[in-house]
Amino acid sequence: MALTSSYLQTTKNINDFFNALIAAKAPERFSQKFLQQLEFTSSNDRPL
């Protein structure tokens, strides 16, 4: 298995991200639009 080439620019939102993910309803497709609905609009949040 190859290592991923993406990495996080910042780790300050990791706790908020997982808390929002736990509280959210599962989407049909996990996408950038779903992240925006969870109020993670920064391009730095996309690798999450």
N, C-alpha and C. Protein backbone atom coordinates (compact mmCIF):
# COMPACT_ATOMS: atom_id res chain seq x y z
N MET A 1 0.85 -1.18 0.00
CA MET A 1 0.00 0.00 0.00
C MET A 1 0.89 1.24 0.00
N ALA A 2 0.65 2.12 -0.93
CA ALA A 2 1.45 3.33 -1.07
C ALA A 2 1.02 4.39 -0.06
N LEU A 3 1.95 5.21 0.33
CA LEU A 3 1.65 6.31 1.23
C LEU A 3 0.97 7.43 0.46
N THR A 4 0.08 8.13 1.10
CA THR A 4 -0.61 9.24 0.46
C THR A 4 0.32 10.43 0.31
N SER A 5 0.09 11.22 -0.70
CA SER A 5 0.93 12.40 -0.92
C SER A 5 0.30 13.66 -0.34
N SER A 6 -0.90 13.56 0.21
CA SER A 6 -1.55 14.73 0.80
C SER A 6 -1.26 14.79 2.30
N TYR A 7 -1.26 15.98 2.81
CA TYR A 7 -1.00 16.18 4.23
C TYR A 7 -1.76 17.42 4.69
N LEU A 8 -1.87 17.59 5.99
CA LEU A 8 -2.60 18.72 6.55
C LEU A 8 -1.70 19.94 6.66
N GLN A 9 -2.22 21.08 6.24
CA GLN A 9 -1.51 22.34 6.38
C GLN A 9 -1.56 22.81 7.83
N THR A 10 -2.68 22.55 8.47
CA THR A 10 -2.87 22.95 9.87
C THR A 10 -3.67 21.87 10.58
N THR A 11 -3.47 21.74 11.87
CA THR A 11 -4.19 20.72 12.64
C THR A 11 -5.15 21.33 13.65
N LYS A 12 -5.37 22.63 13.58
CA LYS A 12 -6.19 23.29 14.60
C LYS A 12 -7.66 22.90 14.54
N ASN A 13 -8.14 22.41 13.40
CA ASN A 13 -9.56 22.08 13.25
C ASN A 13 -9.88 20.60 13.41
N ILE A 14 -8.92 19.79 13.76
CA ILE A 14 -9.15 18.34 13.80
C ILE A 14 -10.22 17.98 14.83
N ASN A 15 -10.15 18.51 16.04
CA ASN A 15 -11.16 18.19 17.06
C ASN A 15 -12.54 18.66 16.63
N ASP A 16 -12.63 19.89 16.12
CA ASP A 16 -13.92 20.41 15.65
C ASP A 16 -14.46 19.58 14.49
N PHE A 17 -13.57 19.15 13.61
CA PHE A 17 -13.97 18.36 12.46
C PHE A 17 -14.61 17.04 12.90
N PHE A 18 -13.93 16.31 13.78
CA PHE A 18 -14.48 15.02 14.21
C PHE A 18 -15.76 15.19 15.03
N ASN A 19 -15.85 16.23 15.83
CA ASN A 19 -17.09 16.48 16.57
C ASN A 19 -18.24 16.79 15.63
N ALA A 20 -17.99 17.59 14.59
CA ALA A 20 -19.03 17.91 13.61
C ALA A 20 -19.41 16.67 12.82
N LEU A 21 -18.44 15.83 12.50
CA LEU A 21 -18.70 14.62 11.74
C LEU A 21 -19.57 13.65 12.54
N ILE A 22 -19.30 13.54 13.82
CA ILE A 22 -20.08 12.65 14.69
C ILE A 22 -21.52 13.15 14.80
N ALA A 23 -21.70 14.46 14.88
CA ALA A 23 -23.04 15.04 15.06
C ALA A 23 -23.84 15.11 13.76
N ALA A 24 -23.17 15.05 12.62
CA ALA A 24 -23.84 15.22 11.33
C ALA A 24 -24.50 13.92 10.87
N LYS A 25 -25.49 14.09 10.02
CA LYS A 25 -26.13 12.95 9.37
C LYS A 25 -25.22 12.49 8.24
N ALA A 26 -25.10 11.20 8.05
CA ALA A 26 -24.23 10.66 7.01
C ALA A 26 -24.72 11.09 5.63
N PRO A 27 -23.84 11.66 4.82
CA PRO A 27 -24.24 12.08 3.47
C PRO A 27 -24.22 10.90 2.51
N GLU A 28 -24.92 11.07 1.38
CA GLU A 28 -24.85 10.04 0.34
C GLU A 28 -23.44 9.97 -0.23
N ARG A 29 -22.82 11.13 -0.34
CA ARG A 29 -21.47 11.21 -0.88
C ARG A 29 -20.69 12.24 -0.08
N PHE A 30 -19.51 11.85 0.39
CA PHE A 30 -18.66 12.76 1.15
C PHE A 30 -17.90 13.62 0.15
N SER A 31 -18.18 14.93 0.15
CA SER A 31 -17.58 15.81 -0.84
C SER A 31 -17.20 17.14 -0.18
N GLN A 32 -16.62 18.03 -0.99
CA GLN A 32 -16.28 19.36 -0.49
C GLN A 32 -17.54 20.12 -0.11
N LYS A 33 -18.62 19.88 -0.81
CA LYS A 33 -19.89 20.53 -0.48
C LYS A 33 -20.35 20.12 0.92
N PHE A 34 -20.18 18.86 1.27
CA PHE A 34 -20.53 18.39 2.61
C PHE A 34 -19.66 19.08 3.65
N LEU A 35 -18.37 19.22 3.38
CA LEU A 35 -17.48 19.93 4.30
C LEU A 35 -17.93 21.37 4.48
N GLN A 36 -18.37 22.01 3.40
CA GLN A 36 -18.85 23.39 3.49
C GLN A 36 -20.11 23.47 4.34
N GLN A 37 -20.97 22.47 4.26
CA GLN A 37 -22.17 22.44 5.09
C GLN A 37 -21.81 22.31 6.56
N LEU A 38 -20.68 21.69 6.85
CA LEU A 38 -20.21 21.57 8.22
C LEU A 38 -19.39 22.78 8.64
N GLU A 39 -19.35 23.79 7.78
CA GLU A 39 -18.66 25.07 8.00
C GLU A 39 -17.14 24.94 7.97
N PHE A 40 -16.63 23.99 7.19
CA PHE A 40 -15.20 23.86 6.94
C PHE A 40 -14.97 24.31 5.50
N THR A 41 -14.88 25.63 5.31
CA THR A 41 -14.84 26.21 3.97
C THR A 41 -13.43 26.47 3.46
N SER A 42 -12.45 26.41 4.31
CA SER A 42 -11.08 26.70 3.91
C SER A 42 -10.52 25.57 3.05
N SER A 43 -9.67 25.92 2.09
CA SER A 43 -9.03 24.89 1.28
C SER A 43 -8.09 24.04 2.13
N ASN A 44 -7.66 24.55 3.28
CA ASN A 44 -6.82 23.77 4.19
C ASN A 44 -7.59 22.65 4.88
N ASP A 45 -8.92 22.72 4.86
CA ASP A 45 -9.75 21.70 5.49
C ASP A 45 -10.02 20.52 4.55
N ARG A 46 -9.76 20.66 3.27
CA ARG A 46 -10.09 19.62 2.30
C ARG A 46 -9.38 18.30 2.55
N PRO A 47 -8.11 18.28 2.95
CA PRO A 47 -7.47 16.97 3.19
C PRO A 47 -8.08 16.20 4.36
N LEU A 48 -8.85 16.87 5.22
CA LEU A 48 -9.48 16.17 6.34
C LEU A 48 -10.40 15.09 5.82
